[in-house]
Amino acid sequence: MRIKNVVVFDLDDTLYNEIDFLKSAYKEISVKISKEVSVKSLIIYNQMLEWFYNNHNVFERVIKAYNSSLNVEELLNIYRTHRPNLQLEKSKVGVLNDLKKRGVFMGLLTDGRSHQQRSKIEALKLNNWISEIVISEEFGSEKPDVNNYKYFENVFGEAQYSYIGDNIKKDFVTPNKLGWTTICLNDNGLNIHKQTTSMVQKEYLAQYKIDEFSELMKIVF
């Protein structure tokens, strides 16, 4: 009897680029400030992005620059709770469809706030493919806690497990210990958290590194 195949994905900077969520939030914030100060939202949005790429405190800068009555906490709330405008790349849709056709069980393991991560999942329509979802705030622990990974083993039982992520500081060390296949999607230049392998111990690194999402098919099968 053929052993079943389970693929567990990270979310941010793996299934989509997290910078797209940031841009979505910045657009909503810029529209809100624009209505208050009578400056075109595109001007505010572009200024916010410039501050972000220059490692400034964006919310403090935008409030001060436009003399907004909003405070940092209010902008953070918009950032975390807005309905993001996100879309899966066609190539990733194709891979997920192919995995589903092949009878692969799929899970999602992500750290973050429940509302924020759920809104991303909904926008990306990931429930079309993924049946089991672990979000750290809901689950009560974050990666690399072994319980977050063992959850999938408890649900799916004996199987060939693969984990696909991007964060070398926490994504792979535990599934490596559990005997899973670990795959790191290399930074395409858009990742918010950069992949710096220096000073990272070997056990934290993935067994495989890929540049294109579709390459995982050759590793999983």
Protein backbone atom coordinates (compact mmCIF):
# COMPACT_ATOMS: atom_id res chain seq x y z
CA MET A 1 0.00 0.00 0.00
CA ARG A 2 1.34 3.40 -1.02
CA ILE A 3 2.11 5.69 1.93
CA LYS A 4 0.20 8.97 1.82
CA ASN A 5 1.91 12.24 1.11
CA VAL A 6 1.46 15.34 3.28
CA VAL A 7 2.80 18.78 2.33
CA VAL A 8 2.72 21.55 4.93
CA PHE A 9 3.30 25.14 3.82
CA ASP A 10 4.44 28.28 5.54
CA LEU A 11 2.36 31.32 4.55
CA ASP A 12 4.24 34.63 4.50
CA ASP A 13 6.94 34.86 1.82
CA THR A 14 6.21 31.28 0.80
CA LEU A 15 2.71 31.06 -0.66
CA TYR A 16 2.69 34.80 -1.37
CA ASN A 17 5.05 37.76 -0.84
CA GLU A 18 4.42 39.39 2.53
CA ILE A 19 5.32 42.78 1.03
CA ASP A 20 2.00 42.56 -0.86
CA PHE A 21 0.12 42.52 2.45
CA LEU A 22 2.12 45.53 3.62
CA LYS A 23 1.36 47.41 0.40
CA SER A 24 -2.33 46.55 0.70
CA ALA A 25 -2.40 47.95 4.23
CA TYR A 26 -0.43 51.06 3.28
CA LYS A 27 -2.92 51.79 0.50
CA GLU A 28 -5.82 51.64 2.93
CA ILE A 29 -4.00 53.84 5.44
CA SER A 30 -3.04 56.36 2.78
CA VAL A 31 -6.67 56.66 1.65
CA LYS A 32 -7.79 57.29 5.23
CA ILE A 33 -5.15 59.97 5.82
CA SER A 34 -5.84 61.50 2.39
CA LYS A 35 -9.45 62.16 3.30
CA GLU A 36 -8.31 63.89 6.46
CA VAL A 37 -5.56 66.13 5.06
CA SER A 38 -6.64 66.65 1.41
CA VAL A 39 -3.49 65.19 -0.10
CA LYS A 40 -3.73 62.56 -2.87
CA SER A 41 -3.56 59.08 -1.39
CA LEU A 42 -1.01 57.96 -4.02
CA ILE A 43 1.43 60.62 -2.83
CA ILE A 44 1.05 59.47 0.77
CA TYR A 45 1.32 55.80 -0.22
CA ASN A 46 4.52 56.31 -2.20
CA GLN A 47 6.02 58.29 0.67
CA MET A 48 5.17 55.51 3.12
CA LEU A 49 6.86 52.92 0.89
CA GLU A 50 9.96 55.09 0.61
CA TRP A 51 10.16 55.37 4.39
CA PHE A 52 9.69 51.62 4.72
CA TYR A 53 12.51 50.79 2.32
CA ASN A 54 14.76 53.23 4.20
CA ASN A 55 14.00 51.49 7.51
CA HIS A 56 12.17 54.43 9.07
CA ASN A 57 9.28 54.20 11.53
CA VAL A 58 6.63 54.61 8.84
CA PHE A 59 3.63 55.27 11.05
CA GLU A 60 5.36 57.90 13.16
CA ARG A 61 6.70 59.59 10.02
CA VAL A 62 3.38 59.69 8.18
CA ILE A 63 1.51 61.05 11.21
CA LYS A 64 4.07 63.81 11.68
CA ALA A 65 4.50 64.64 7.98
CA TYR A 66 0.78 65.11 7.37
CA ASN A 67 -0.18 66.30 10.84
CA SER A 68 -2.74 63.50 11.06
CA SER A 69 -5.03 63.17 14.06
CA LEU A 70 -4.58 59.39 13.91
CA ASN A 71 -2.12 57.74 16.29
CA VAL A 72 0.29 54.86 15.79
CA GLU A 73 -2.00 52.36 17.50
CA GLU A 74 -4.86 53.27 15.17
CA LEU A 75 -2.64 52.81 12.11
CA LEU A 76 -1.42 49.47 13.47
CA ASN A 77 -5.01 48.40 13.89
CA ILE A 78 -5.79 49.26 10.26
CA TYR A 79 -2.68 47.35 9.19
CA ARG A 80 -3.66 44.24 11.12
CA THR A 81 -7.41 44.18 10.50
CA HIS A 82 -7.90 45.50 6.95
CA ARG A 83 -9.18 43.15 4.25
CA PRO A 84 -6.07 42.59 2.16
CA ASN A 85 -6.02 42.69 -1.61
CA LEU A 86 -3.98 39.55 -2.30
CA GLN A 87 -3.87 36.99 -5.09
CA LEU A 88 -1.98 33.74 -5.58
CA GLU A 89 0.41 33.66 -8.52
CA LYS A 90 -0.86 31.46 -11.37
CA SER A 91 2.19 29.23 -11.07
CA LYS A 92 1.41 28.53 -7.43
CA VAL A 93 -2.24 27.85 -8.19
CA GLY A 94 -1.03 25.32 -10.75
CA VAL A 95 1.18 23.55 -8.20
CA LEU A 96 -1.58 23.43 -5.58
CA ASN A 97 -4.03 22.06 -8.14
CA ASP A 98 -1.52 19.43 -9.20
CA LEU A 99 -0.90 18.36 -5.59
CA LYS A 100 -4.64 18.11 -5.00
CA LYS A 101 -5.14 15.98 -8.14
CA ARG A 102 -2.41 13.63 -6.94
CA GLY A 103 -4.22 13.11 -3.65
CA VAL A 104 -1.68 14.96 -1.52
CA PHE A 105 -2.93 16.16 1.87
CA MET A 106 -2.04 19.80 2.51
CA GLY A 107 -1.60 21.84 5.67
CA LEU A 108 -0.62 25.37 6.60
CA LEU A 109 1.61 26.33 9.53
CA THR A 110 2.07 30.03 10.19
CA ASP A 111 3.01 32.34 13.03
CA GLY A 112 1.00 35.50 13.62
CA ARG A 113 -2.24 36.99 14.85
CA SER A 114 -5.39 35.05 14.11
CA HIS A 115 -7.38 37.80 12.38
CA GLN A 116 -4.46 38.96 10.28
CA GLN A 117 -3.47 35.49 9.09
CA ARG A 118 -7.07 34.38 8.53
CA SER A 119 -7.69 37.45 6.36
CA LYS A 120 -4.70 36.51 4.20
CA ILE A 121 -5.89 32.90 3.94
CA GLU A 122 -9.35 34.06 2.88
CA ALA A 123 -8.02 36.56 0.32
CA LEU A 124 -5.75 33.90 -1.22
CA LYS A 125 -8.61 31.34 -1.18
CA LEU A 126 -6.29 28.76 0.37
CA ASN A 127 -9.18 26.75 1.80
CA ASN A 128 -9.69 25.45 -1.74
CA TRP A 129 -6.62 23.27 -1.22
CA ILE A 130 -5.63 23.24 2.44
CA SER A 131 -7.63 21.31 5.01
CA GLU A 132 -5.59 21.81 8.20
CA ILE A 133 -4.39 25.22 9.40
CA VAL A 134 -2.27 26.04 12.44
CA ILE A 135 -1.92 29.72 13.40
CA SER A 136 0.33 30.42 16.36
CA GLU A 137 -2.02 32.81 18.20
CA GLU A 138 -4.83 30.28 18.00
CA PHE A 139 -2.63 27.26 18.72
CA GLY A 140 -0.83 28.76 21.70
CA SER A 141 2.76 28.28 20.52
CA GLU A 142 5.03 29.42 17.71
CA LYS A 143 7.53 27.74 15.44
CA PRO A 144 9.82 25.95 16.08
CA ASP A 145 7.75 24.39 18.90
CA VAL A 146 7.45 20.69 18.12
CA ASN A 147 3.72 20.64 18.95
CA ASN A 148 2.95 22.91 16.01
CA TYR A 149 4.42 20.32 13.64
CA LYS A 150 3.25 17.22 15.51
CA TYR A 151 -0.32 18.50 15.10
CA PHE A 152 -0.21 17.42 11.46
CA GLU A 153 1.22 14.01 12.33
CA ASN A 154 -1.60 13.55 14.81
CA VAL A 155 -4.20 14.46 12.18
CA PHE A 156 -2.80 12.63 9.15
CA GLY A 157 -0.95 9.77 10.83
CA GLU A 158 1.81 7.82 9.13
CA ALA A 159 2.85 9.62 5.96
CA GLN A 160 5.69 11.15 4.01
CA TYR A 161 5.85 14.75 5.31
CA SER A 162 7.33 17.78 3.58
CA TYR A 163 7.55 21.34 4.88
CA ILE A 164 8.03 24.32 2.58
CA GLY A 165 9.02 27.64 4.11
CA ASP A 166 11.46 30.52 3.91
CA ASN A 167 12.60 31.46 7.42
CA ILE A 168 15.87 29.69 8.23
CA LYS A 169 15.76 30.86 11.84
CA LYS A 170 12.68 28.81 12.77
CA ASP A 171 10.98 26.98 9.90
CA PHE A 172 13.15 23.90 9.39
CA VAL A 173 14.94 22.90 12.59
CA THR A 174 11.99 20.98 14.05
CA PRO A 175 10.77 19.18 10.91
CA ASN A 176 14.40 18.19 10.29
CA LYS A 177 14.40 16.49 13.70
CA LEU A 178 11.06 14.82 12.94
CA GLY A 179 12.38 13.28 9.74
CA TRP A 180 10.34 15.47 7.40
CA THR A 181 11.62 16.63 4.03
CA THR A 182 12.39 20.34 4.35
CA ILE A 183 12.39 22.76 1.43
CA CYS A 184 13.42 26.42 1.53
CA LEU A 185 12.01 28.78 -1.08
CA ASN A 186 14.84 31.19 -1.77
CA ASP A 187 14.28 34.93 -1.37
CA ASN A 188 13.28 36.39 -4.74
CA GLY A 189 14.43 39.82 -3.57
CA LEU A 190 11.03 40.73 -2.13
CA ASN A 191 11.14 38.98 1.25
CA ILE A 192 10.62 41.20 4.28
CA HIS A 193 12.85 38.95 6.42
CA LYS A 194 16.10 38.30 4.59
CA GLN A 195 17.75 34.88 4.44
CA THR A 196 21.22 35.30 5.91
CA THR A 197 22.77 31.86 6.37
CA SER A 198 25.92 33.05 8.16
CA MET A 199 25.77 32.40 11.92
CA VAL A 200 22.93 29.88 11.38
CA GLN A 201 23.64 26.35 12.58
CA LYS A 202 23.39 23.54 10.03
CA GLU A 203 20.40 21.87 11.71
CA TYR A 204 18.36 25.04 11.08
CA LEU A 205 18.86 24.86 7.32
CA ALA A 206 16.49 23.11 4.93
CA GLN A 207 17.57 19.93 3.16
CA TYR A 208 16.64 21.46 -0.20
CA LYS A 209 16.65 24.99 -1.61
CA ILE A 210 14.54 26.02 -4.59
CA ASP A 211 14.24 29.22 -6.62
CA GLU A 212 10.85 28.45 -8.16
CA PHE A 213 7.81 27.17 -6.26
CA SER A 214 7.17 24.54 -8.91
CA GLU A 215 10.52 22.88 -8.16
CA LEU A 216 9.05 21.38 -5.01
CA MET A 217 7.19 18.83 -7.17
CA LYS A 218 10.49 17.12 -8.10
CA ILE A 219 11.38 16.84 -4.42
CA VAL A 220 8.02 15.75 -3.04
CA PHE A 221 7.58 13.01 -5.69
